[in-house]
Amino acid sequence: MAVAFGNLAMVDNRRELRDEVHYRARAFGPDARQLGFLVVNLSPQGLMARSEAPFEIGDRLRVVFPGTGSLVAEVRWSLGGRVGCRFEHAIDLASYYELLATLLKAR
């Protein structure tokens, strides 16, 4: 999928699909301070969230999810209050589907 921003274009090369979740997670930035963090979509390998906090590529965050606990995620991109992160360790599929069911039920 290609996305255009003015004269810039980005190509989405992710292999995995993302599941829409809209989950307000507890998250902690590189300085260990708690962040406002709304997870918009999720996959076993990463997430996209909305947050007012400024992030740099390579920042490491901790995001807390029910059942899986605290996951470390590395910022891959940040743009206009949105941030894309890749988990340090992917969530195994059985745990992922349990987490997804819990998050969708919480809506």
PDB file of N, CA and C in Angstrom:
ATOM      1  N   MET A   1       0.849  -1.167   0.000  1.00  0.00           N
ATOM      2  CA  MET A   1       0.000   0.000   0.000  1.00  0.00           C
ATOM      3  C   MET A   1       0.891   1.224   0.000  1.00  0.00           C
ATOM      4  N   ALA A   2       0.615   2.195  -0.845  1.00  0.00           N
ATOM      5  CA  ALA A   2       1.360   3.448  -0.879  1.00  0.00           C
ATOM      6  C   ALA A   2       0.511   4.538  -0.253  1.00  0.00           C
ATOM      7  N   VAL A   3       1.162   5.411   0.510  1.00  0.00           N
ATOM      8  CA  VAL A   3       0.490   6.522   1.159  1.00  0.00           C
ATOM      9  C   VAL A   3       1.202   7.795   0.739  1.00  0.00           C
ATOM     10  N   ALA A   4       0.452   8.825   0.320  1.00  0.00           N
ATOM     11  CA  ALA A   4       1.057  10.074  -0.122  1.00  0.00           C
ATOM     12  C   ALA A   4       0.898  11.150   0.941  1.00  0.00           C
ATOM     13  N   PHE A   5       1.957  11.900   1.188  1.00  0.00           N
ATOM     14  CA  PHE A   5       1.961  13.053   2.083  1.00  0.00           C
ATOM     15  C   PHE A   5       2.549  14.219   1.293  1.00  0.00           C
ATOM     16  N   GLY A   6       1.712  15.047   0.675  1.00  0.00           N
ATOM     17  CA  GLY A   6       2.220  16.133  -0.151  1.00  0.00           C
ATOM     18  C   GLY A   6       3.025  15.558  -1.289  1.00  0.00           C
ATOM     19  N   ASN A   7       4.299  15.922  -1.356  1.00  0.00           N
ATOM     20  CA  ASN A   7       5.180  15.410  -2.404  1.00  0.00           C
ATOM     21  C   ASN A   7       5.888  14.124  -2.011  1.00  0.00           C
ATOM     22  N   LEU A   8       5.643  13.674  -0.766  1.00  0.00           N
ATOM     23  CA  LEU A   8       6.303  12.465  -0.292  1.00  0.00           C
ATOM     24  C   LEU A   8       5.362  11.281  -0.426  1.00  0.00           C
ATOM     25  N   ALA A   9       5.904  10.132  -0.664  1.00  0.00           N
ATOM     26  CA  ALA A   9       5.109   8.906  -0.706  1.00  0.00           C
ATOM     27  C   ALA A   9       5.822   7.856   0.124  1.00  0.00           C
ATOM     28  N   MET A  10       5.031   7.084   0.869  1.00  0.00           N
ATOM     29  CA  MET A  10       5.591   6.006   1.677  1.00  0.00           C
ATOM     30  C   MET A  10       4.968   4.710   1.210  1.00  0.00           C
ATOM     31  N   VAL A  11       5.734   3.663   1.190  1.00  0.00           N
ATOM     32  CA  VAL A  11       5.224   2.352   0.831  1.00  0.00           C
ATOM     33  C   VAL A  11       5.186   1.502   2.087  1.00  0.00           C
ATOM     34  N   ASP A  12       4.050   0.865   2.327  1.00  0.00           N
ATOM     35  CA  ASP A  12       3.872   0.011   3.488  1.00  0.00           C
ATOM     36  C   ASP A  12       4.333  -1.394   3.115  1.00  0.00           C
ATOM     37  N   ASN A  13       5.513  -1.790   3.613  1.00  0.00           N
ATOM     38  CA  ASN A  13       6.098  -3.083   3.265  1.00  0.00           C
ATOM     39  C   ASN A  13       5.847  -4.168   4.306  1.00  0.00           C
ATOM     40  N   ARG A  14       4.953  -3.899   5.284  1.00  0.00           N
ATOM     41  CA  ARG A  14       4.699  -4.908   6.308  1.00  0.00           C
ATOM     42  C   ARG A  14       4.086  -6.146   5.670  1.00  0.00           C
ATOM     43  N   ARG A  15       4.491  -7.291   6.161  1.00  0.00           N
ATOM     44  CA  ARG A  15       3.945  -8.555   5.657  1.00  0.00           C
ATOM     45  C   ARG A  15       2.709  -8.963   6.441  1.00  0.00           C
ATOM     46  N   GLU A  16       2.658  -8.590   7.719  1.00  0.00           N
ATOM     47  CA  GLU A  16       1.534  -8.993   8.562  1.00  0.00           C
ATOM     48  C   GLU A  16       0.435  -7.936   8.521  1.00  0.00           C
ATOM     49  N   LEU A  17      -0.786  -8.399   8.639  1.00  0.00           N
ATOM     50  CA  LEU A  17      -1.918  -7.490   8.722  1.00  0.00           C
ATOM     51  C   LEU A  17      -2.047  -6.997  10.144  1.00  0.00           C
ATOM     52  N   ARG A  18      -2.644  -5.860  10.312  1.00  0.00           N
ATOM     53  CA  ARG A  18      -2.877  -5.298  11.636  1.00  0.00           C
ATOM     54  C   ARG A  18      -4.356  -5.429  11.971  1.00  0.00           C
ATOM     55  N   ASP A  19      -4.639  -5.643  13.245  1.00  0.00           N
ATOM     56  CA  ASP A  19      -6.013  -5.711  13.735  1.00  0.00           C
ATOM     57  C   ASP A  19      -6.337  -4.406  14.448  1.00  0.00           C
ATOM     58  N   GLU A  20      -7.468  -3.809  14.108  1.00  0.00           N
ATOM     59  CA  GLU A  20      -7.898  -2.564  14.732  1.00  0.00           C
ATOM     60  C   GLU A  20      -8.391  -2.851  16.145  1.00  0.00           C
ATOM     61  N   VAL A  21      -7.873  -2.112  17.141  1.00  0.00           N
ATOM     62  CA  VAL A  21      -8.245  -2.404  18.523  1.00  0.00           C
ATOM     63  C   VAL A  21      -8.726  -1.192  19.324  1.00  0.00           C
ATOM     64  N   HIS A  22      -8.162  -0.022  19.164  1.00  0.00           N
ATOM     65  CA  HIS A  22      -8.511   1.182  19.946  1.00  0.00           C
ATOM     66  C   HIS A  22      -8.525   0.881  21.439  1.00  0.00           C
ATOM     67  N   TYR A  23      -7.334   0.619  21.989  1.00  0.00           N
ATOM     68  CA  TYR A  23      -7.170   0.256  23.393  1.00  0.00           C
ATOM     69  C   TYR A  23      -6.280   1.272  24.096  1.00  0.00           C
ATOM     70  N   ARG A  24      -6.787   1.864  25.178  1.00  0.00           N
ATOM     71  CA  ARG A  24      -6.002   2.816  25.970  1.00  0.00           C
ATOM     72  C   ARG A  24      -5.088   2.016  26.899  1.00  0.00           C
ATOM     73  N   ALA A  25      -3.816   1.967  26.545  1.00  0.00           N
ATOM     74  CA  ALA A  25      -2.836   1.141  27.274  1.00  0.00           C
ATOM     75  C   ALA A  25      -2.013   1.991  28.227  1.00  0.00           C
ATOM     76  N   ARG A  26      -1.517   1.346  29.274  1.00  0.00           N
ATOM     77  CA  ARG A  26      -0.479   1.966  30.092  1.00  0.00           C
ATOM     78  C   ARG A  26       0.825   1.793  29.325  1.00  0.00           C
ATOM     79  N   ALA A  27       1.521   2.880  29.144  1.00  0.00           N
ATOM     80  CA  ALA A  27       2.788   2.820  28.419  1.00  0.00           C
ATOM     81  C   ALA A  27       3.781   3.752  29.099  1.00  0.00           C
ATOM     82  N   PHE A  28       5.051   3.411  28.969  1.00  0.00           N
ATOM     83  CA  PHE A  28       6.120   4.165  29.605  1.00  0.00           C
ATOM     84  C   PHE A  28       7.185   4.469  28.563  1.00  0.00           C
ATOM     85  N   GLY A  29       7.592   5.737  28.510  1.00  0.00           N
ATOM     86  CA  GLY A  29       8.570   6.185  27.523  1.00  0.00           C
ATOM     87  C   GLY A  29       9.991   5.826  27.892  1.00  0.00           C
ATOM     88  N   PRO A  30      10.948   6.287  27.087  1.00  0.00           N
ATOM     89  CA  PRO A  30      12.356   5.993  27.339  1.00  0.00           C
ATOM     90  C   PRO A  30      12.839   6.530  28.683  1.00  0.00           C
ATOM     91  N   ASP A  31      12.160   7.557  29.193  1.00  0.00           N
ATOM     92  CA  ASP A  31      12.522   8.131  30.492  1.00  0.00           C
ATOM     93  C   ASP A  31      11.737   7.497  31.643  1.00  0.00           C
ATOM     94  N   ALA A  32      10.992   6.426  31.360  1.00  0.00           N
ATOM     95  CA  ALA A  32      10.195   5.661  32.331  1.00  0.00           C
ATOM     96  C   ALA A  32       8.959   6.409  32.832  1.00  0.00           C
ATOM     97  N   ARG A  33       8.647   7.556  32.234  1.00  0.00           N
ATOM     98  CA  ARG A  33       7.424   8.272  32.605  1.00  0.00           C
ATOM     99  C   ARG A  33       6.231   7.671  31.875  1.00  0.00           C
ATOM    100  N   GLN A  34       5.084   7.653  32.577  1.00  0.00           N
ATOM    101  CA  GLN A  34       3.877   7.110  31.963  1.00  0.00           C
ATOM    102  C   GLN A  34       3.377   8.057  30.877  1.00  0.00           C
ATOM    103  N   LEU A  35       2.873   7.477  29.801  1.00  0.00           N
ATOM    104  CA  LEU A  35       2.401   8.232  28.637  1.00  0.00           C
ATOM    105  C   LEU A  35       0.905   8.042  28.444  1.00  0.00           C
ATOM    106  N   GLY A  36       0.260   9.028  27.821  1.00  0.00           N
ATOM    107  CA  GLY A  36      -1.066   8.795  27.269  1.00  0.00           C
ATOM    108  C   GLY A  36      -0.858   8.012  25.990  1.00  0.00           C
ATOM    109  N   PHE A  37      -1.489   6.853  25.833  1.00  0.00           N
ATOM    110  CA  PHE A  37      -1.150   5.955  24.721  1.00  0.00           C
ATOM    111  C   PHE A  37      -2.391   5.190  24.291  1.00  0.00           C
ATOM    112  N   LEU A  38      -2.900   5.491  23.125  1.00  0.00           N
ATOM    113  CA  LEU A  38      -4.064   4.804  22.568  1.00  0.00           C
ATOM    114  C   LEU A  38      -3.592   3.899  21.435  1.00  0.00           C
ATOM    115  N   VAL A  39      -3.630   2.585  21.662  1.00  0.00           N
ATOM    116  CA  VAL A  39      -3.222   1.632  20.632  1.00  0.00           C
ATOM    117  C   VAL A  39      -4.351   1.551  19.608  1.00  0.00           C
ATOM    118  N   VAL A  40      -4.029   1.889  18.374  1.00  0.00           N
ATOM    119  CA  VAL A  40      -5.021   1.929  17.303  1.00  0.00           C
ATOM    120  C   VAL A  40      -5.082   0.595  16.573  1.00  0.00           C
ATOM    121  N   ASN A  41      -3.921   0.037  16.290  1.00  0.00           N
ATOM    122  CA  ASN A  41      -3.910  -1.289  15.676  1.00  0.00           C
ATOM    123  C   ASN A  41      -2.735  -2.090  16.193  1.00  0.00           C
ATOM    124  N   LEU A  42      -2.834  -3.402  15.981  1.00  0.00           N
ATOM    125  CA  LEU A  42      -1.918  -4.330  16.628  1.00  0.00           C
ATOM    126  C   LEU A  42      -1.680  -5.533  15.727  1.00  0.00           C
ATOM    127  N   SER A  43      -0.484  -6.087  15.820  1.00  0.00           N
ATOM    128  CA  SER A  43      -0.158  -7.373  15.196  1.00  0.00           C
ATOM    129  C   SER A  43       0.754  -8.095  16.176  1.00  0.00           C
ATOM    130  N   PRO A  44       1.073  -9.357  15.934  1.00  0.00           N
ATOM    131  CA  PRO A  44       2.005 -10.043  16.832  1.00  0.00           C
ATOM    132  C   PRO A  44       3.391  -9.388  16.855  1.00  0.00           C
ATOM    133  N   GLN A  45       3.733  -8.629  15.813  1.00  0.00           N
ATOM    134  CA  GLN A  45       5.058  -8.028  15.716  1.00  0.00           C
ATOM    135  C   GLN A  45       5.120  -6.568  16.152  1.00  0.00           C
ATOM    136  N   GLY A  46       3.982  -5.874  16.240  1.00  0.00           N
ATOM    137  CA  GLY A  46       4.059  -4.459  16.572  1.00  0.00           C
ATOM    138  C   GLY A  46       2.708  -3.791  16.699  1.00  0.00           C
ATOM    139  N   LEU A  47       2.747  -2.455  16.737  1.00  0.00           N
ATOM    140  CA  LEU A  47       1.521  -1.688  16.936  1.00  0.00           C
ATOM    141  C   LEU A  47       1.660  -0.297  16.345  1.00  0.00           C
ATOM    142  N   MET A  48       0.515   0.346  16.178  1.00  0.00           N
ATOM    143  CA  MET A  48       0.469   1.769  15.906  1.00  0.00           C
ATOM    144  C   MET A  48      -0.386   2.383  16.998  1.00  0.00           C
ATOM    145  N   ALA A  49       0.051   3.543  17.512  1.00  0.00           N
ATOM    146  CA  ALA A  49      -0.687   4.196  18.589  1.00  0.00           C
ATOM    147  C   ALA A  49      -0.742   5.694  18.349  1.00  0.00           C
ATOM    148  N   ARG A  50      -1.630   6.328  19.079  1.00  0.00           N
ATOM    149  CA  ARG A  50      -1.699   7.791  19.121  1.00  0.00           C
ATOM    150  C   ARG A  50      -1.173   8.222  20.483  1.00  0.00           C
ATOM    151  N   SER A  51      -0.327   9.254  20.464  1.00  0.00           N
ATOM    152  CA  SER A  51       0.241   9.777  21.703  1.00  0.00           C
ATOM    153  C   SER A  51       0.723  11.192  21.445  1.00  0.00           C
ATOM    154  N   GLU A  52       0.568  12.051  22.422  1.00  0.00           N
ATOM    155  CA  GLU A  52       1.052  13.427  22.302  1.00  0.00           C
ATOM    156  C   GLU A  52       2.545  13.539  22.613  1.00  0.00           C
ATOM    157  N   ALA A  53       3.121  12.497  23.165  1.00  0.00           N
ATOM    158  CA  ALA A  53       4.546  12.523  23.517  1.00  0.00           C
ATOM    159  C   ALA A  53       5.401  12.521  22.248  1.00  0.00           C
ATOM    160  N   PRO A  54       6.503  13.269  22.262  1.00  0.00           N
ATOM    161  CA  PRO A  54       7.422  13.236  21.115  1.00  0.00           C
ATOM    162  C   PRO A  54       8.314  11.991  21.189  1.00  0.00           C
ATOM    163  N   PHE A  55       8.499  11.332  20.063  1.00  0.00           N
ATOM    164  CA  PHE A  55       9.335  10.134  20.009  1.00  0.00           C
ATOM    165  C   PHE A  55      10.383  10.279  18.933  1.00  0.00           C
ATOM    166  N   GLU A  56      11.503   9.648  19.162  1.00  0.00           N
ATOM    167  CA  GLU A  56      12.572   9.554  18.174  1.00  0.00           C
ATOM    168  C   GLU A  56      12.637   8.107  17.696  1.00  0.00           C
ATOM    169  N   ILE A  57      12.999   7.911  16.445  1.00  0.00           N
ATOM    170  CA  ILE A  57      13.199   6.558  15.925  1.00  0.00           C
ATOM    171  C   ILE A  57      14.264   5.881  16.784  1.00  0.00           C
ATOM    172  N   GLY A  58      13.967   4.666  17.222  1.00  0.00           N
ATOM    173  CA  GLY A  58      14.884   3.918  18.072  1.00  0.00           C
ATOM    174  C   GLY A  58      14.544   3.991  19.552  1.00  0.00           C
ATOM    175  N   ASP A  59      13.671   4.946  19.951  1.00  0.00           N
ATOM    176  CA  ASP A  59      13.238   4.992  21.350  1.00  0.00           C
ATOM    177  C   ASP A  59      12.614   3.659  21.723  1.00  0.00           C
ATOM    178  N   ARG A  60      12.828   3.254  22.971  1.00  0.00           N
ATOM    179  CA  ARG A  60      12.248   2.007  23.466  1.00  0.00           C
ATOM    180  C   ARG A  60      11.170   2.348  24.479  1.00  0.00           C
ATOM    181  N   LEU A  61       9.998   1.756  24.290  1.00  0.00           N
ATOM    182  CA  LEU A  61       8.844   1.977  25.146  1.00  0.00           C
ATOM    183  C   LEU A  61       8.450   0.670  25.800  1.00  0.00           C
ATOM    184  N   ARG A  62       7.759   0.768  26.935  1.00  0.00           N
ATOM    185  CA  ARG A  62       7.133  -0.406  27.545  1.00  0.00           C
ATOM    186  C   ARG A  62       5.636  -0.190  27.471  1.00  0.00           C
ATOM    187  N   VAL A  63       4.929  -1.156  26.919  1.00  0.00           N
ATOM    188  CA  VAL A  63       3.475  -1.080  26.779  1.00  0.00           C
ATOM    189  C   VAL A  63       2.888  -2.259  27.547  1.00  0.00           C
ATOM    190  N   VAL A  64       1.907  -1.964  28.411  1.00  0.00           N
ATOM    191  CA  VAL A  64       1.321  -3.002  29.260  1.00  0.00           C
ATOM    192  C   VAL A  64      -0.021  -3.428  28.679  1.00  0.00           C
ATOM    193  N   PHE A  65      -0.155  -4.733  28.455  1.00  0.00           N
ATOM    194  CA  PHE A  65      -1.386  -5.325  27.930  1.00  0.00           C
ATOM    195  C   PHE A  65      -1.902  -6.375  28.911  1.00  0.00           C
ATOM    196  N   PRO A  66      -3.233  -6.563  28.965  1.00  0.00           N
ATOM    197  CA  PRO A  66      -3.772  -7.610  29.830  1.00  0.00           C
ATOM    198  C   PRO A  66      -3.331  -8.994  29.345  1.00  0.00           C
ATOM    199  N   GLY A  67      -2.908  -9.819  30.269  1.00  0.00           N
ATOM    200  CA  GLY A  67      -2.519 -11.185  29.932  1.00  0.00           C
ATOM    201  C   GLY A  67      -1.082 -11.334  29.487  1.00  0.00           C
ATOM    202  N   THR A  68      -0.591 -10.438  28.646  1.00  0.00           N
ATOM    203  CA  THR A  68       0.785 -10.550  28.153  1.00  0.00           C
ATOM    204  C   THR A  68       1.756  -9.768  29.023  1.00  0.00           C
ATOM    205  N   GLY A  69       1.232  -8.846  29.817  1.00  0.00           N
ATOM    206  CA  GLY A  69       2.088  -8.030  30.670  1.00  0.00           C
ATOM    207  C   GLY A  69       2.773  -6.932  29.892  1.00  0.00           C
ATOM    208  N   SER A  70       3.969  -6.575  30.312  1.00  0.00           N
ATOM    209  CA  SER A  70       4.720  -5.466  29.738  1.00  0.00           C
ATOM    210  C   SER A  70       5.533  -5.941  28.531  1.00  0.00           C
ATOM    211  N   LEU A  71       5.340  -5.276  27.396  1.00  0.00           N
ATOM    212  CA  LEU A  71       6.092  -5.598  26.186  1.00  0.00           C
ATOM    213  C   LEU A  71       6.983  -4.425  25.825  1.00  0.00           C
ATOM    214  N   VAL A  72       8.211  -4.719  25.450  1.00  0.00           N
ATOM    215  CA  VAL A  72       9.138  -3.681  25.007  1.00  0.00           C
ATOM    216  C   VAL A  72       8.944  -3.504  23.511  1.00  0.00           C
ATOM    217  N   ALA A  73       8.820  -2.234  23.100  1.00  0.00           N
ATOM    218  CA  ALA A  73       8.612  -1.920  21.690  1.00  0.00           C
ATOM    219  C   ALA A  73       9.569  -0.816  21.272  1.00  0.00           C
ATOM    220  N   GLU A  74      10.114  -0.940  20.077  1.00  0.00           N
ATOM    221  CA  GLU A  74      11.020   0.070  19.535  1.00  0.00           C
ATOM    222  C   GLU A  74      10.275   0.947  18.543  1.00  0.00           C
ATOM    223  N   VAL A  75      10.430   2.260  18.670  1.00  0.00           N
ATOM    224  CA  VAL A  75       9.780   3.199  17.754  1.00  0.00           C
ATOM    225  C   VAL A  75      10.440   3.080  16.384  1.00  0.00           C
ATOM    226  N   ARG A  76       9.625   2.809  15.370  1.00  0.00           N
ATOM    227  CA  ARG A  76      10.112   2.708  13.993  1.00  0.00           C
ATOM    228  C   ARG A  76       9.837   3.980  13.213  1.00  0.00           C
ATOM    229  N   TRP A  77       8.740   4.678  13.577  1.00  0.00           N
ATOM    230  CA  TRP A  77       8.409   5.962  12.964  1.00  0.00           C
ATOM    231  C   TRP A  77       7.481   6.734  13.896  1.00  0.00           C
ATOM    232  N   SER A  78       7.462   8.049  13.732  1.00  0.00           N
ATOM    233  CA  SER A  78       6.597   8.919  14.521  1.00  0.00           C
ATOM    234  C   SER A  78       6.202  10.088  13.636  1.00  0.00           C
ATOM    235  N   LEU A  79       4.896  10.367  13.567  1.00  0.00           N
ATOM    236  CA  LEU A  79       4.423  11.418  12.668  1.00  0.00           C
ATOM    237  C   LEU A  79       3.083  11.953  13.151  1.00  0.00           C
ATOM    238  N   GLY A  80       3.020  13.237  13.463  1.00  0.00           N
ATOM    239  CA  GLY A  80       1.760  13.906  13.764  1.00  0.00           C
ATOM    240  C   GLY A  80       0.927  13.272  14.861  1.00  0.00           C
ATOM    241  N   GLY A  81       1.535  12.912  15.978  1.00  0.00           N
ATOM    242  CA  GLY A  81       0.788  12.322  17.079  1.00  0.00           C
ATOM    243  C   GLY A  81       0.542  10.829  16.942  1.00  0.00           C
ATOM    244  N   ARG A  82       1.125  10.209  15.914  1.00  0.00           N
ATOM    245  CA  ARG A  82       1.031   8.759  15.734  1.00  0.00           C
ATOM    246  C   ARG A  82       2.431   8.177  15.816  1.00  0.00           C
ATOM    247  N   VAL A  83       2.487   6.932  16.278  1.00  0.00           N
ATOM    248  CA  VAL A  83       3.782   6.278  16.412  1.00  0.00           C
ATOM    249  C   VAL A  83       3.635   4.808  16.013  1.00  0.00           C
ATOM    250  N   GLY A  84       4.592   4.317  15.261  1.00  0.00           N
ATOM    251  CA  GLY A  84       4.623   2.901  14.877  1.00  0.00           C
ATOM    252  C   GLY A  84       5.770   2.224  15.598  1.00  0.00           C
ATOM    253  N   CYS A  85       5.482   1.091  16.214  1.00  0.00           N
ATOM    254  CA  CYS A  85       6.486   0.382  17.015  1.00  0.00           C
ATOM    255  C   CYS A  85       6.553  -1.087  16.631  1.00  0.00           C
ATOM    256  N   ARG A  86       7.727  -1.650  16.776  1.00  0.00           N
ATOM    257  CA  ARG A  86       7.951  -3.087  16.575  1.00  0.00           C
ATOM    258  C   ARG A  86       8.338  -3.673  17.929  1.00  0.00           C
ATOM    259  N   PHE A  87       7.673  -4.772  18.304  1.00  0.00           N
ATOM    260  CA  PHE A  87       7.975  -5.408  19.580  1.00  0.00           C
ATOM    261  C   PHE A  87       9.366  -6.029  19.551  1.00  0.00           C
ATOM    262  N   GLU A  88      10.043  -5.951  20.694  1.00  0.00           N
ATOM    263  CA  GLU A  88      11.367  -6.571  20.828  1.00  0.00           C
ATOM    264  C   GLU A  88      11.258  -8.075  20.584  1.00  0.00           C
ATOM    265  N   HIS A  89      10.205  -8.682  21.133  1.00  0.00           N
ATOM    266  CA  HIS A  89       9.927 -10.103  20.917  1.00  0.00           C
ATOM    267  C   HIS A  89       8.474 -10.217  20.466  1.00  0.00           C
ATOM    268  N   ALA A  90       8.261 -10.846  19.335  1.00  0.00           N
ATOM    269  CA  ALA A  90       6.894 -11.001  18.821  1.00  0.00           C
ATOM    270  C   ALA A  90       6.050 -11.793  19.824  1.00  0.00           C
ATOM    271  N   ILE A  91       4.768 -11.495  19.834  1.00  0.00           N
ATOM    272  CA  ILE A  91       3.823 -12.230  20.683  1.00  0.00           C
ATOM    273  C   ILE A  91       3.497 -13.546  19.975  1.00  0.00           C
ATOM    274  N   ASP A  92       3.596 -14.683  20.690  1.00  0.00           N
ATOM    275  CA  ASP A  92       3.259 -15.953  20.043  1.00  0.00           C
ATOM    276  C   ASP A  92       1.773 -15.916  19.666  1.00  0.00           C
ATOM    277  N   LEU A  93       1.407 -16.639  18.613  1.00  0.00           N
ATOM    278  CA  LEU A  93       0.054 -16.528  18.054  1.00  0.00           C
ATOM    279  C   LEU A  93      -1.057 -16.887  19.030  1.00  0.00           C
ATOM    280  N   ALA A  94      -0.875 -17.904  19.838  1.00  0.00           N
ATOM    281  CA  ALA A  94      -1.921 -18.275  20.803  1.00  0.00           C
ATOM    282  C   ALA A  94      -2.158 -17.125  21.783  1.00  0.00           C
ATOM    283  N   SER A  95      -1.084 -16.554  22.314  1.00  0.00           N
ATOM    284  CA  SER A  95      -1.206 -15.424  23.236  1.00  0.00           C
ATOM    285  C   SER A  95      -1.770 -14.197  22.531  1.00  0.00           C
ATOM    286  N   TYR A  96      -1.370 -14.004  21.270  1.00  0.00           N
ATOM    287  CA  TYR A  96      -1.871 -12.857  20.508  1.00  0.00           C
ATOM    288  C   TYR A  96      -3.388 -12.922  20.344  1.00  0.00           C
ATOM    289  N   TYR A  97      -3.893 -14.080  19.962  1.00  0.00           N
ATOM    290  CA  TYR A  97      -5.344 -14.197  19.753  1.00  0.00           C
ATOM    291  C   TYR A  97      -6.116 -14.058  21.059  1.00  0.00           C
ATOM    292  N   GLU A  98      -5.553 -14.509  22.167  1.00  0.00           N
ATOM    293  CA  GLU A  98      -6.176 -14.287  23.483  1.00  0.00           C
ATOM    294  C   GLU A  98      -6.193 -12.796  23.807  1.00  0.00           C
ATOM    295  N   LEU A  99      -5.065 -12.129  23.565  1.00  0.00           N
ATOM    296  CA  LEU A  99      -4.986 -10.687  23.821  1.00  0.00           C
ATOM    297  C   LEU A  99      -5.981  -9.929  22.943  1.00  0.00           C
ATOM    298  N   LEU A 100      -6.022 -10.275  21.679  1.00  0.00           N
ATOM    299  CA  LEU A 100      -6.928  -9.605  20.741  1.00  0.00           C
ATOM    300  C   LEU A 100      -8.379  -9.773  21.187  1.00  0.00           C
ATOM    301  N   ALA A 101      -8.761 -10.960  21.593  1.00  0.00           N
ATOM    302  CA  ALA A 101     -10.125 -11.190  22.061  1.00  0.00           C
ATOM    303  C   ALA A 101     -10.435 -10.338  23.306  1.00  0.00           C
ATOM    304  N   THR A 102      -9.468 -10.228  24.207  1.00  0.00           N
ATOM    305  CA  THR A 102      -9.652  -9.417  25.420  1.00  0.00           C
ATOM    306  C   THR A 102      -9.802  -7.943  25.057  1.00  0.00           C
ATOM    307  N   LEU A 103      -8.967  -7.447  24.162  1.00  0.00           N
ATOM    308  CA  LEU A 103      -9.021  -6.034  23.784  1.00  0.00           C
ATOM    309  C   LEU A 103     -10.304  -5.696  23.039  1.00  0.00           C
ATOM    310  N   LEU A 104     -10.750  -6.574  22.183  1.00  0.00           N
ATOM    311  CA  LEU A 104     -11.978  -6.318  21.431  1.00  0.00           C
ATOM    312  C   LEU A 104     -13.192  -6.387  22.331  1.00  0.00           C
ATOM    313  N   LYS A 105     -13.149  -7.249  23.342  1.00  0.00           N
ATOM    314  CA  LYS A 105     -14.254  -7.356  24.301  1.00  0.00           C
ATOM    315  C   LYS A 105     -14.348  -6.096  25.157  1.00  0.00           C
ATOM    316  N   ALA A 106     -13.192  -5.451  25.419  1.00  0.00           N
ATOM    317  CA  ALA A 106     -13.139  -4.264  26.286  1.00  0.00           C
ATOM    318  C   ALA A 106     -13.677  -3.005  25.602  1.00  0.00           C
ATOM    319  N   ARG A 107     -13.903  -3.052  24.324  1.00  0.00           N
ATOM    320  CA  ARG A 107     -14.379  -1.873  23.588  1.00  0.00           C
ATOM    321  C   ARG A 107     -15.682  -1.375  24.099  1.00  0.00           C
TER     322      ARG A 107
END
